[in-house]
Amino acid sequence: MSSKQKGSNAERELVHLFWHNGWTACRVAGSGSMRYPSPDVIASNGQTVYVVECKCSKVKTKYVPLEDIDELVGFAQKFGAVPLIGVRFSNKEWMFLSPFDLETSGKFALIKRESSAHSFSEIVSHSSSRLVATPFSQ
């Protein structure tokens, strides 16, 4: 299975998780392949809207280009949503990080398997106010 297929499967898995927990969610067709920035998944419970950039990895550290993070944050601001980075490491549950809390190295954000993050149950059951902060980069 290609890495693109694995990523698409992870996005579908996340959409199902949202639906099974009373949220509405969808994958954004063409995310990452069109000239306009767009998240991988959009989800809402009628009060909070999340836009999620999804990543999956077999290794312990995932590198995400800062440009991708900036595009997610810009989209979220225009859309009136809370931006999240959703990561699924092999044999682990989904973890969610605010793009404003990521560690950086050069032109990349680093996400480690042991990073402090929110669980899926936390993001669907708590207020999004603690996930929002100042813009990631200018």
N, C-alpha and C. Protein backbone atom coordinates (compact mmCIF):
# COMPACT_ATOMS: atom_id res chain seq x y z
N MET A 1 0.84 -1.17 0.00
CA MET A 1 0.00 0.00 0.00
C MET A 1 0.90 1.25 0.00
N SER A 2 0.58 2.20 -0.84
CA SER A 2 1.40 3.42 -0.93
C SER A 2 1.17 4.31 0.28
N SER A 3 2.09 5.24 0.51
CA SER A 3 1.93 6.17 1.65
C SER A 3 0.71 7.06 1.45
N LYS A 4 0.37 7.39 0.20
CA LYS A 4 -0.83 8.19 -0.08
C LYS A 4 -2.09 7.41 0.33
N GLN A 5 -2.13 6.12 0.02
CA GLN A 5 -3.27 5.29 0.42
C GLN A 5 -3.37 5.17 1.94
N LYS A 6 -2.21 5.02 2.60
CA LYS A 6 -2.21 4.93 4.06
C LYS A 6 -2.73 6.22 4.67
N GLY A 7 -2.30 7.35 4.10
CA GLY A 7 -2.78 8.64 4.58
C GLY A 7 -4.28 8.80 4.38
N SER A 8 -4.77 8.40 3.21
CA SER A 8 -6.22 8.48 2.93
C SER A 8 -7.01 7.59 3.88
N ASN A 9 -6.48 6.40 4.14
CA ASN A 9 -7.15 5.49 5.08
C ASN A 9 -7.19 6.08 6.48
N ALA A 10 -6.10 6.72 6.90
CA ALA A 10 -6.07 7.35 8.22
C ALA A 10 -7.09 8.48 8.29
N GLU A 11 -7.21 9.28 7.23
CA GLU A 11 -8.20 10.36 7.19
C GLU A 11 -9.62 9.80 7.30
N ARG A 12 -9.89 8.72 6.56
CA ARG A 12 -11.22 8.09 6.63
C ARG A 12 -11.50 7.56 8.03
N GLU A 13 -10.49 6.96 8.65
CA GLU A 13 -10.64 6.46 10.02
C GLU A 13 -11.03 7.60 10.96
N LEU A 14 -10.38 8.74 10.81
CA LEU A 14 -10.68 9.89 11.66
C LEU A 14 -12.09 10.41 11.42
N VAL A 15 -12.51 10.46 10.17
CA VAL A 15 -13.88 10.89 9.85
C VAL A 15 -14.89 9.97 10.54
N HIS A 16 -14.66 8.66 10.47
CA HIS A 16 -15.55 7.70 11.14
C HIS A 16 -15.57 7.92 12.65
N LEU A 17 -14.40 8.18 13.24
CA LEU A 17 -14.35 8.45 14.69
C LEU A 17 -15.22 9.64 15.06
N PHE A 18 -15.11 10.73 14.29
CA PHE A 18 -15.95 11.89 14.58
C PHE A 18 -17.43 11.53 14.49
N TRP A 19 -17.84 10.88 13.40
CA TRP A 19 -19.26 10.53 13.23
C TRP A 19 -19.75 9.63 14.37
N HIS A 20 -18.94 8.68 14.78
CA HIS A 20 -19.35 7.76 15.85
C HIS A 20 -19.41 8.43 17.21
N ASN A 21 -18.92 9.65 17.30
CA ASN A 21 -18.96 10.41 18.55
C ASN A 21 -19.87 11.62 18.46
N GLY A 22 -20.83 11.59 17.51
CA GLY A 22 -21.85 12.62 17.42
C GLY A 22 -21.45 13.88 16.67
N TRP A 23 -20.32 13.87 16.02
CA TRP A 23 -19.87 15.01 15.24
C TRP A 23 -20.14 14.74 13.76
N THR A 24 -20.16 15.81 12.97
CA THR A 24 -20.22 15.70 11.52
C THR A 24 -18.82 15.96 11.00
N ALA A 25 -18.38 15.15 10.04
CA ALA A 25 -17.01 15.31 9.52
C ALA A 25 -16.95 14.86 8.07
N CYS A 26 -15.98 15.41 7.35
CA CYS A 26 -15.74 14.98 5.98
C CYS A 26 -14.27 15.18 5.62
N ARG A 27 -13.83 14.37 4.67
CA ARG A 27 -12.50 14.55 4.08
C ARG A 27 -12.62 15.61 3.00
N VAL A 28 -11.57 16.38 2.82
CA VAL A 28 -11.55 17.39 1.78
C VAL A 28 -10.85 16.80 0.57
N ALA A 29 -11.60 16.63 -0.51
CA ALA A 29 -11.04 16.06 -1.73
C ALA A 29 -9.94 16.97 -2.28
N GLY A 30 -8.83 16.39 -2.64
CA GLY A 30 -7.75 17.15 -3.25
C GLY A 30 -6.90 17.95 -2.29
N SER A 31 -7.11 17.79 -0.98
CA SER A 31 -6.29 18.55 -0.04
C SER A 31 -4.83 18.21 -0.28
N GLY A 32 -4.01 19.24 -0.31
CA GLY A 32 -2.59 19.05 -0.55
C GLY A 32 -2.20 18.95 -2.01
N SER A 33 -3.19 18.89 -2.90
CA SER A 33 -2.85 18.75 -4.32
C SER A 33 -3.44 19.86 -5.19
N MET A 34 -4.11 20.82 -4.56
CA MET A 34 -4.61 21.95 -5.34
C MET A 34 -3.89 23.22 -4.91
N ARG A 35 -4.06 24.27 -5.67
CA ARG A 35 -3.28 25.48 -5.39
C ARG A 35 -3.78 26.26 -4.19
N TYR A 36 -4.99 25.95 -3.72
CA TYR A 36 -5.53 26.63 -2.55
C TYR A 36 -5.30 25.77 -1.30
N PRO A 37 -4.94 26.41 -0.20
CA PRO A 37 -4.74 25.62 1.03
C PRO A 37 -6.06 25.01 1.50
N SER A 38 -5.99 23.79 1.99
CA SER A 38 -7.17 23.15 2.55
C SER A 38 -6.74 22.08 3.54
N PRO A 39 -7.55 21.86 4.56
CA PRO A 39 -7.22 20.82 5.55
C PRO A 39 -7.58 19.45 4.98
N ASP A 40 -7.17 18.41 5.69
CA ASP A 40 -7.53 17.05 5.30
C ASP A 40 -8.94 16.69 5.75
N VAL A 41 -9.31 17.15 6.94
CA VAL A 41 -10.61 16.83 7.52
C VAL A 41 -11.21 18.08 8.14
N ILE A 42 -12.52 18.25 7.96
CA ILE A 42 -13.27 19.31 8.63
C ILE A 42 -14.31 18.60 9.49
N ALA A 43 -14.43 19.01 10.76
CA ALA A 43 -15.38 18.38 11.67
C ALA A 43 -16.04 19.44 12.54
N SER A 44 -17.32 19.20 12.86
CA SER A 44 -18.05 20.14 13.71
C SER A 44 -19.12 19.41 14.52
N ASN A 45 -19.39 19.97 15.70
CA ASN A 45 -20.49 19.47 16.52
C ASN A 45 -21.60 20.52 16.58
N GLY A 46 -21.54 21.54 15.75
CA GLY A 46 -22.53 22.62 15.74
C GLY A 46 -22.10 23.81 16.57
N GLN A 47 -21.10 23.64 17.41
CA GLN A 47 -20.57 24.72 18.23
C GLN A 47 -19.10 24.98 17.92
N THR A 48 -18.34 23.93 17.75
CA THR A 48 -16.91 24.02 17.49
C THR A 48 -16.64 23.42 16.11
N VAL A 49 -15.80 24.08 15.36
CA VAL A 49 -15.37 23.56 14.06
C VAL A 49 -13.86 23.34 14.13
N TYR A 50 -13.43 22.13 13.79
CA TYR A 50 -12.02 21.81 13.71
C TYR A 50 -11.64 21.62 12.24
N VAL A 51 -10.48 22.13 11.86
CA VAL A 51 -9.88 21.78 10.58
C VAL A 51 -8.59 21.04 10.94
N VAL A 52 -8.43 19.86 10.37
CA VAL A 52 -7.36 18.96 10.81
C VAL A 52 -6.43 18.60 9.65
N GLU A 53 -5.16 18.78 9.89
CA GLU A 53 -4.12 18.27 9.00
C GLU A 53 -3.72 16.92 9.58
N CYS A 54 -3.92 15.85 8.82
CA CYS A 54 -3.67 14.50 9.32
C CYS A 54 -2.31 13.99 8.87
N LYS A 55 -1.64 13.32 9.77
CA LYS A 55 -0.35 12.69 9.49
C LYS A 55 -0.35 11.31 10.12
N CYS A 56 0.34 10.37 9.48
CA CYS A 56 0.54 9.07 10.10
C CYS A 56 2.00 8.69 9.88
N SER A 57 2.52 7.88 10.80
CA SER A 57 3.95 7.57 10.74
C SER A 57 4.26 6.25 11.42
N LYS A 58 5.23 5.55 10.86
CA LYS A 58 5.75 4.33 11.47
C LYS A 58 6.90 4.65 12.41
N VAL A 59 7.57 5.76 12.18
CA VAL A 59 8.73 6.14 12.98
C VAL A 59 8.30 7.02 14.15
N LYS A 60 9.21 7.26 15.10
CA LYS A 60 8.87 7.96 16.34
C LYS A 60 8.74 9.47 16.21
N THR A 61 9.23 10.04 15.10
CA THR A 61 9.16 11.49 14.90
C THR A 61 8.62 11.78 13.52
N LYS A 62 7.65 12.69 13.45
CA LYS A 62 7.08 13.11 12.17
C LYS A 62 7.48 14.56 11.93
N TYR A 63 8.00 14.83 10.74
CA TYR A 63 8.39 16.18 10.35
C TYR A 63 7.31 16.73 9.42
N VAL A 64 6.80 17.91 9.76
CA VAL A 64 5.75 18.55 8.96
C VAL A 64 6.28 19.90 8.49
N PRO A 65 6.26 20.16 7.17
CA PRO A 65 6.75 21.45 6.69
C PRO A 65 5.99 22.62 7.32
N LEU A 66 6.72 23.63 7.76
CA LEU A 66 6.08 24.81 8.38
C LEU A 66 5.11 25.47 7.41
N GLU A 67 5.38 25.38 6.13
CA GLU A 67 4.47 25.94 5.13
C GLU A 67 3.08 25.28 5.24
N ASP A 68 3.04 23.97 5.45
CA ASP A 68 1.76 23.26 5.62
C ASP A 68 1.03 23.75 6.86
N ILE A 69 1.79 23.99 7.93
CA ILE A 69 1.19 24.47 9.18
C ILE A 69 0.61 25.88 8.98
N ASP A 70 1.39 26.74 8.33
CA ASP A 70 0.92 28.11 8.08
C ASP A 70 -0.34 28.12 7.22
N GLU A 71 -0.40 27.25 6.22
CA GLU A 71 -1.59 27.17 5.37
C GLU A 71 -2.80 26.70 6.17
N LEU A 72 -2.60 25.73 7.05
CA LEU A 72 -3.70 25.25 7.90
C LEU A 72 -4.21 26.37 8.80
N VAL A 73 -3.30 27.10 9.43
CA VAL A 73 -3.68 28.19 10.33
C VAL A 73 -4.41 29.28 9.54
N GLY A 74 -3.91 29.63 8.36
CA GLY A 74 -4.57 30.64 7.53
C GLY A 74 -5.97 30.22 7.13
N PHE A 75 -6.12 28.96 6.73
CA PHE A 75 -7.44 28.44 6.37
C PHE A 75 -8.38 28.50 7.56
N ALA A 76 -7.89 28.06 8.71
CA ALA A 76 -8.72 28.05 9.92
C ALA A 76 -9.19 29.45 10.28
N GLN A 77 -8.30 30.42 10.19
CA GLN A 77 -8.68 31.79 10.52
C GLN A 77 -9.77 32.29 9.60
N LYS A 78 -9.64 32.04 8.31
CA LYS A 78 -10.66 32.49 7.34
C LYS A 78 -11.97 31.72 7.49
N PHE A 79 -11.87 30.48 7.92
CA PHE A 79 -13.03 29.60 8.03
C PHE A 79 -13.72 29.74 9.40
N GLY A 80 -13.06 30.40 10.34
CA GLY A 80 -13.60 30.51 11.69
C GLY A 80 -13.52 29.21 12.45
N ALA A 81 -12.43 28.48 12.26
CA ALA A 81 -12.29 27.15 12.85
C ALA A 81 -11.04 27.07 13.72
N VAL A 82 -10.94 26.00 14.46
CA VAL A 82 -9.77 25.71 15.29
C VAL A 82 -8.87 24.76 14.51
N PRO A 83 -7.61 25.15 14.25
CA PRO A 83 -6.71 24.26 13.53
C PRO A 83 -6.10 23.21 14.46
N LEU A 84 -6.00 21.99 13.96
CA LEU A 84 -5.37 20.90 14.71
C LEU A 84 -4.49 20.08 13.79
N ILE A 85 -3.43 19.56 14.35
CA ILE A 85 -2.61 18.57 13.67
C ILE A 85 -2.96 17.24 14.32
N GLY A 86 -3.51 16.32 13.53
CA GLY A 86 -3.85 14.99 14.02
C GLY A 86 -2.80 14.00 13.56
N VAL A 87 -2.22 13.25 14.50
CA VAL A 87 -1.16 12.31 14.16
C VAL A 87 -1.51 10.93 14.70
N ARG A 88 -1.29 9.95 13.85
CA ARG A 88 -1.51 8.56 14.26
C ARG A 88 -0.21 7.81 14.01
N PHE A 89 0.51 7.54 15.10
CA PHE A 89 1.71 6.72 15.01
C PHE A 89 1.29 5.25 15.04
N SER A 90 2.08 4.39 14.41
CA SER A 90 1.76 2.96 14.37
C SER A 90 1.49 2.42 15.76
N ASN A 91 0.43 1.64 15.87
CA ASN A 91 0.03 0.99 17.12
C ASN A 91 -0.29 1.96 18.24
N LYS A 92 -0.63 3.19 17.92
CA LYS A 92 -1.00 4.21 18.91
C LYS A 92 -2.34 4.82 18.51
N GLU A 93 -2.99 5.44 19.48
CA GLU A 93 -4.23 6.16 19.22
C GLU A 93 -3.92 7.50 18.57
N TRP A 94 -4.94 8.12 18.00
CA TRP A 94 -4.79 9.46 17.45
C TRP A 94 -4.38 10.42 18.55
N MET A 95 -3.51 11.37 18.20
CA MET A 95 -3.13 12.45 19.11
C MET A 95 -3.29 13.76 18.35
N PHE A 96 -3.66 14.81 19.07
CA PHE A 96 -3.94 16.09 18.44
C PHE A 96 -3.15 17.20 19.11
N LEU A 97 -2.55 18.03 18.27
CA LEU A 97 -1.74 19.14 18.77
C LEU A 97 -2.21 20.44 18.12
N SER A 98 -2.13 21.48 18.88
CA SER A 98 -2.36 22.80 18.31
C SER A 98 -1.13 23.16 17.50
N PRO A 99 -1.30 23.75 16.32
CA PRO A 99 -0.13 24.15 15.55
C PRO A 99 0.72 25.19 16.26
N PHE A 100 0.15 25.87 17.24
CA PHE A 100 0.85 26.92 17.97
C PHE A 100 1.79 26.36 19.04
N ASP A 101 1.66 25.06 19.33
CA ASP A 101 2.46 24.44 20.39
C ASP A 101 3.55 23.51 19.86
N LEU A 102 3.77 23.51 18.56
CA LEU A 102 4.72 22.56 17.98
C LEU A 102 6.16 23.02 18.14
N GLU A 103 7.02 22.05 18.34
CA GLU A 103 8.47 22.28 18.37
C GLU A 103 8.93 22.39 16.91
N THR A 104 9.88 23.29 16.63
CA THR A 104 10.34 23.46 15.25
C THR A 104 11.83 23.18 15.13
N SER A 105 12.21 22.82 13.90
CA SER A 105 13.61 22.60 13.57
C SER A 105 13.78 23.01 12.11
N GLY A 106 14.42 24.14 11.89
CA GLY A 106 14.59 24.63 10.53
C GLY A 106 13.26 24.96 9.90
N LYS A 107 12.93 24.31 8.80
CA LYS A 107 11.69 24.58 8.07
C LYS A 107 10.60 23.57 8.39
N PHE A 108 10.77 22.84 9.51
CA PHE A 108 9.83 21.79 9.85
C PHE A 108 9.34 21.91 11.30
N ALA A 109 8.12 21.45 11.51
CA ALA A 109 7.61 21.24 12.86
C ALA A 109 7.88 19.77 13.18
N LEU A 110 8.24 19.50 14.43
CA LEU A 110 8.53 18.13 14.86
C LEU A 110 7.41 17.63 15.75
N ILE A 111 6.95 16.44 15.46
CA ILE A 111 5.95 15.81 16.32
C ILE A 111 6.52 14.46 16.72
N LYS A 112 6.70 14.28 18.01
CA LYS A 112 7.27 13.03 18.52
C LYS A 112 6.16 12.18 19.11
N ARG A 113 6.37 10.88 19.03
CA ARG A 113 5.36 9.96 19.54
C ARG A 113 5.04 10.24 21.02
N GLU A 114 6.05 10.72 21.77
CA GLU A 114 5.84 10.99 23.19
C GLU A 114 5.48 12.46 23.46
N SER A 115 5.18 13.22 22.41
CA SER A 115 4.79 14.63 22.60
C SER A 115 3.55 14.74 23.47
N SER A 116 3.48 15.83 24.20
CA SER A 116 2.28 16.12 24.98
C SER A 116 1.20 16.55 23.99
N ALA A 117 0.09 15.84 24.01
CA ALA A 117 -0.96 16.09 23.03
C ALA A 117 -2.32 15.80 23.64
N HIS A 118 -3.36 16.18 22.90
CA HIS A 118 -4.74 15.90 23.31
C HIS A 118 -5.18 14.59 22.67
N SER A 119 -5.94 13.81 23.40
CA SER A 119 -6.51 12.58 22.85
C SER A 119 -7.77 12.92 22.05
N PHE A 120 -8.25 11.96 21.29
CA PHE A 120 -9.48 12.19 20.54
C PHE A 120 -10.63 12.51 21.48
N SER A 121 -10.75 11.77 22.57
CA SER A 121 -11.86 12.01 23.50
C SER A 121 -11.78 13.42 24.10
N GLU A 122 -10.58 13.94 24.30
CA GLU A 122 -10.44 15.31 24.81
C GLU A 122 -10.93 16.34 23.81
N ILE A 123 -10.59 16.17 22.54
CA ILE A 123 -10.99 17.21 21.59
C ILE A 123 -12.49 17.19 21.29
N VAL A 124 -13.14 16.03 21.44
CA VAL A 124 -14.59 16.01 21.17
C VAL A 124 -15.42 16.30 22.41
N SER A 125 -14.82 16.30 23.58
CA SER A 125 -15.61 16.51 24.79
C SER A 125 -15.32 17.80 25.53
N HIS A 126 -14.28 18.53 25.15
CA HIS A 126 -13.92 19.75 25.86
C HIS A 126 -14.02 20.96 24.96
N SER A 127 -14.06 22.11 25.58
CA SER A 127 -14.06 23.38 24.85
C SER A 127 -12.78 23.52 24.06
N SER A 128 -12.88 24.13 22.90
CA SER A 128 -11.70 24.34 22.05
C SER A 128 -10.87 25.53 22.51
N SER A 129 -11.35 26.29 23.49
CA SER A 129 -10.66 27.52 23.87
C SER A 129 -9.22 27.27 24.31
N ARG A 130 -8.92 26.13 24.91
CA ARG A 130 -7.55 25.89 25.37
C ARG A 130 -6.63 25.46 24.23
N LEU A 131 -7.20 25.20 23.05
CA LEU A 131 -6.39 24.80 21.91
C LEU A 131 -6.01 25.98 21.04
N VAL A 132 -6.58 27.14 21.31
CA VAL A 132 -6.35 28.31 20.48
C VAL A 132 -5.31 29.20 21.11
N ALA A 133 -4.38 29.68 20.31
CA ALA A 133 -3.33 30.58 20.81
C ALA A 133 -2.99 31.57 19.71
N THR A 134 -1.81 32.14 19.78
CA THR A 134 -1.40 33.12 18.79
C THR A 134 -0.94 32.43 17.51
N PRO A 135 -0.90 33.14 16.39
CA PRO A 135 -0.48 32.53 15.13
C PRO A 135 0.87 31.86 15.23
N PHE A 136 1.03 30.75 14.51
CA PHE A 136 2.23 29.94 14.55
C PHE A 136 3.44 30.69 14.04
N SER A 137 3.33 31.29 12.87
CA SER A 137 4.42 32.08 12.32
C SER A 137 3.83 33.19 11.47
N GLN A 138 4.61 34.19 11.24
CA GLN A 138 4.14 35.34 10.46
C GLN A 138 4.93 35.45 9.19
